[in-house]
Amino acid sequence: MSKDILIKRLLIEIQKMITTDELDDVLFYFLDNDISDTRFAYHLSIIGNEIDSIEFCEMVGSIYHFHFNYIEEAYDLAYYHY
């Protein structure tokens, strides 16, 4: 599945959080570690669309809303996932 390929492109710590359903910790990981690579959020966005999980989509929306709020399309992407 394409989601498995995308999950493997994420940081190991984020992979573990996703596979153990610790989705609340993903946003805090981005914030605490000052992750600046927006590709990770983009991959999470695609994964969220594929698995169609409310919790996962809300987590991705929060990442765009609170962490990557400086990118031009951040609020549109956050709104899409909320």
N, C-alpha and C. Protein backbone atom coordinates (compact mmCIF):
# COMPACT_ATOMS: atom_id res chain seq x y z
N MET A 1 0.84 -1.19 0.00
CA MET A 1 0.00 0.00 0.00
C MET A 1 0.87 1.25 0.00
N SER A 2 0.36 2.29 -0.58
CA SER A 2 1.12 3.54 -0.64
C SER A 2 1.31 4.15 0.75
N LYS A 3 0.36 3.94 1.65
CA LYS A 3 0.52 4.51 3.00
C LYS A 3 1.71 3.90 3.70
N ASP A 4 1.98 2.63 3.46
CA ASP A 4 3.14 1.98 4.08
C ASP A 4 4.44 2.58 3.57
N ILE A 5 4.48 2.91 2.29
CA ILE A 5 5.66 3.55 1.71
C ILE A 5 5.86 4.92 2.34
N LEU A 6 4.78 5.68 2.48
CA LEU A 6 4.88 7.02 3.07
C LEU A 6 5.26 6.96 4.55
N ILE A 7 4.74 6.00 5.27
CA ILE A 7 5.08 5.86 6.68
C ILE A 7 6.58 5.62 6.83
N LYS A 8 7.15 4.83 5.94
CA LYS A 8 8.59 4.55 6.01
C LYS A 8 9.44 5.77 5.68
N ARG A 9 8.86 6.78 5.06
CA ARG A 9 9.59 8.02 4.76
C ARG A 9 9.59 8.99 5.94
N LEU A 10 8.82 8.69 6.96
CA LEU A 10 8.76 9.54 8.15
C LEU A 10 9.91 9.21 9.09
N LEU A 11 10.14 10.09 10.04
CA LEU A 11 11.15 9.83 11.06
C LEU A 11 10.74 8.61 11.88
N ILE A 12 11.71 7.86 12.35
CA ILE A 12 11.45 6.62 13.10
C ILE A 12 10.52 6.86 14.28
N GLU A 13 10.73 7.94 15.00
CA GLU A 13 9.90 8.24 16.18
C GLU A 13 8.44 8.45 15.77
N ILE A 14 8.23 9.15 14.67
CA ILE A 14 6.86 9.39 14.19
C ILE A 14 6.24 8.08 13.70
N GLN A 15 7.02 7.26 13.03
CA GLN A 15 6.53 5.95 12.59
C GLN A 15 6.00 5.15 13.78
N LYS A 16 6.77 5.14 14.87
CA LYS A 16 6.36 4.38 16.06
C LYS A 16 5.07 4.94 16.64
N MET A 17 4.95 6.27 16.70
CA MET A 17 3.74 6.89 17.24
C MET A 17 2.52 6.52 16.40
N ILE A 18 2.69 6.49 15.10
CA ILE A 18 1.57 6.17 14.21
C ILE A 18 1.18 4.70 14.35
N THR A 19 2.15 3.82 14.36
CA THR A 19 1.84 2.40 14.43
C THR A 19 1.28 1.98 15.79
N THR A 20 1.57 2.76 16.83
CA THR A 20 1.02 2.45 18.16
C THR A 20 -0.18 3.33 18.51
N ASP A 21 -0.67 4.08 17.53
CA ASP A 21 -1.85 4.94 17.70
C ASP A 21 -1.68 6.03 18.75
N GLU A 22 -0.48 6.54 18.89
CA GLU A 22 -0.21 7.66 19.81
C GLU A 22 -0.24 8.96 19.02
N LEU A 23 -1.37 9.23 18.40
CA LEU A 23 -1.48 10.36 17.47
C LEU A 23 -1.35 11.71 18.16
N ASP A 24 -1.77 11.81 19.42
CA ASP A 24 -1.64 13.08 20.13
C ASP A 24 -0.18 13.48 20.31
N ASP A 25 0.69 12.50 20.37
CA ASP A 25 2.11 12.77 20.58
C ASP A 25 2.81 13.30 19.34
N VAL A 26 2.22 13.09 18.16
CA VAL A 26 2.88 13.50 16.92
C VAL A 26 3.02 15.01 16.85
N LEU A 27 1.96 15.75 17.16
CA LEU A 27 2.05 17.21 17.14
C LEU A 27 3.12 17.69 18.12
N PHE A 28 3.13 17.13 19.32
CA PHE A 28 4.12 17.55 20.31
C PHE A 28 5.54 17.20 19.87
N TYR A 29 5.69 16.12 19.14
CA TYR A 29 7.00 15.78 18.61
C TYR A 29 7.46 16.85 17.62
N PHE A 30 6.57 17.28 16.74
CA PHE A 30 6.90 18.35 15.79
C PHE A 30 7.29 19.62 16.53
N LEU A 31 6.51 19.98 17.55
CA LEU A 31 6.77 21.21 18.29
C LEU A 31 8.05 21.12 19.12
N ASP A 32 8.22 20.04 19.85
CA ASP A 32 9.38 19.90 20.73
C ASP A 32 10.70 19.81 19.97
N ASN A 33 10.66 19.22 18.78
CA ASN A 33 11.89 19.00 18.03
C ASN A 33 12.06 20.00 16.89
N ASP A 34 11.16 20.97 16.83
CA ASP A 34 11.23 22.04 15.83
C ASP A 34 11.45 21.48 14.42
N ILE A 35 10.61 20.54 14.04
CA ILE A 35 10.70 19.92 12.71
C ILE A 35 10.37 20.99 11.67
N SER A 36 11.27 21.19 10.73
CA SER A 36 11.06 22.24 9.72
C SER A 36 10.77 21.69 8.33
N ASP A 37 10.88 20.39 8.16
CA ASP A 37 10.66 19.78 6.85
C ASP A 37 9.16 19.55 6.65
N THR A 38 8.54 20.36 5.82
CA THR A 38 7.09 20.26 5.60
C THR A 38 6.70 18.99 4.86
N ARG A 39 7.66 18.30 4.27
CA ARG A 39 7.33 17.05 3.58
C ARG A 39 6.76 16.01 4.54
N PHE A 40 7.20 16.04 5.80
CA PHE A 40 6.66 15.09 6.77
C PHE A 40 5.16 15.32 6.97
N ALA A 41 4.77 16.57 7.09
CA ALA A 41 3.34 16.90 7.24
C ALA A 41 2.58 16.54 5.97
N TYR A 42 3.19 16.78 4.83
CA TYR A 42 2.55 16.43 3.55
C TYR A 42 2.33 14.92 3.46
N HIS A 43 3.32 14.13 3.85
CA HIS A 43 3.17 12.67 3.84
C HIS A 43 2.06 12.25 4.81
N LEU A 44 2.04 12.86 5.99
CA LEU A 44 0.98 12.55 6.95
C LEU A 44 -0.39 12.91 6.39
N SER A 45 -0.46 14.00 5.64
CA SER A 45 -1.72 14.42 5.02
C SER A 45 -2.23 13.36 4.05
N ILE A 46 -1.35 12.85 3.23
CA ILE A 46 -1.74 11.82 2.26
C ILE A 46 -2.16 10.55 2.98
N ILE A 47 -1.42 10.17 4.01
CA ILE A 47 -1.78 8.98 4.79
C ILE A 47 -3.16 9.16 5.42
N GLY A 48 -3.41 10.35 5.97
CA GLY A 48 -4.72 10.63 6.57
C GLY A 48 -5.85 10.50 5.58
N ASN A 49 -5.63 10.96 4.35
CA ASN A 49 -6.66 10.82 3.32
C ASN A 49 -6.89 9.36 2.95
N GLU A 50 -5.83 8.59 2.93
CA GLU A 50 -5.95 7.19 2.53
C GLU A 50 -6.65 6.35 3.58
N ILE A 51 -6.31 6.55 4.85
CA ILE A 51 -6.92 5.71 5.88
C ILE A 51 -8.27 6.26 6.35
N ASP A 52 -8.55 7.52 6.02
CA ASP A 52 -9.85 8.14 6.32
C ASP A 52 -10.23 8.00 7.80
N SER A 53 -9.33 8.44 8.66
CA SER A 53 -9.55 8.40 10.11
C SER A 53 -9.72 9.83 10.62
N ILE A 54 -10.78 10.07 11.37
CA ILE A 54 -11.04 11.40 11.91
C ILE A 54 -9.88 11.84 12.81
N GLU A 55 -9.44 10.95 13.69
CA GLU A 55 -8.36 11.29 14.62
C GLU A 55 -7.07 11.63 13.88
N PHE A 56 -6.77 10.86 12.84
CA PHE A 56 -5.55 11.09 12.08
C PHE A 56 -5.63 12.42 11.34
N CYS A 57 -6.77 12.68 10.71
CA CYS A 57 -6.93 13.95 9.98
C CYS A 57 -6.86 15.14 10.93
N GLU A 58 -7.45 15.03 12.11
CA GLU A 58 -7.37 16.12 13.09
C GLU A 58 -5.93 16.35 13.53
N MET A 59 -5.16 15.28 13.67
CA MET A 59 -3.75 15.41 14.04
C MET A 59 -2.99 16.17 12.96
N VAL A 60 -3.23 15.82 11.70
CA VAL A 60 -2.55 16.51 10.60
C VAL A 60 -2.98 17.98 10.54
N GLY A 61 -4.27 18.23 10.72
CA GLY A 61 -4.75 19.61 10.74
C GLY A 61 -4.09 20.42 11.83
N SER A 62 -3.91 19.81 12.99
CA SER A 62 -3.24 20.50 14.10
C SER A 62 -1.79 20.81 13.79
N ILE A 63 -1.13 19.91 13.10
CA ILE A 63 0.27 20.15 12.73
C ILE A 63 0.36 21.36 11.81
N TYR A 64 -0.52 21.44 10.83
CA TYR A 64 -0.51 22.61 9.94
C TYR A 64 -0.92 23.87 10.69
N HIS A 65 -1.92 23.76 11.54
CA HIS A 65 -2.46 24.94 12.24
C HIS A 65 -1.49 25.50 13.27
N PHE A 66 -0.87 24.63 14.05
CA PHE A 66 -0.04 25.11 15.16
C PHE A 66 1.46 25.12 14.88
N HIS A 67 1.93 24.23 14.02
CA HIS A 67 3.38 24.14 13.82
C HIS A 67 3.84 24.78 12.51
N PHE A 68 3.15 24.49 11.42
CA PHE A 68 3.55 25.03 10.12
C PHE A 68 2.67 26.21 9.72
N ASN A 69 2.22 26.98 10.69
CA ASN A 69 1.31 28.09 10.40
C ASN A 69 1.98 29.22 9.62
N TYR A 70 3.27 29.16 9.44
CA TYR A 70 3.98 30.20 8.69
C TYR A 70 3.99 29.95 7.18
N ILE A 71 3.62 28.74 6.75
CA ILE A 71 3.59 28.52 5.30
C ILE A 71 2.29 29.07 4.74
N GLU A 72 2.34 29.48 3.51
CA GLU A 72 1.23 30.23 2.90
C GLU A 72 -0.10 29.48 2.94
N GLU A 73 -0.10 28.20 2.65
CA GLU A 73 -1.35 27.45 2.56
C GLU A 73 -1.68 26.68 3.84
N ALA A 74 -1.03 27.00 4.94
CA ALA A 74 -1.20 26.24 6.18
C ALA A 74 -2.65 26.21 6.66
N TYR A 75 -3.30 27.33 6.69
CA TYR A 75 -4.67 27.35 7.23
C TYR A 75 -5.65 26.65 6.31
N ASP A 76 -5.43 26.71 5.01
CA ASP A 76 -6.27 25.95 4.08
C ASP A 76 -6.09 24.46 4.30
N LEU A 77 -4.85 24.03 4.48
CA LEU A 77 -4.58 22.61 4.72
C LEU A 77 -5.13 22.17 6.07
N ALA A 78 -5.00 23.01 7.08
CA ALA A 78 -5.55 22.67 8.39
C ALA A 78 -7.07 22.56 8.31
N TYR A 79 -7.71 23.52 7.66
CA TYR A 79 -9.17 23.50 7.52
C TYR A 79 -9.62 22.25 6.77
N TYR A 80 -8.88 21.88 5.74
CA TYR A 80 -9.21 20.69 4.96
C TYR A 80 -9.24 19.44 5.85
N HIS A 81 -8.30 19.36 6.77
CA HIS A 81 -8.21 18.16 7.61
C HIS A 81 -9.13 18.21 8.82
N TYR A 82 -9.57 19.40 9.24
CA TYR A 82 -10.51 19.48 10.36
C TYR A 82 -11.86 19.15 9.82
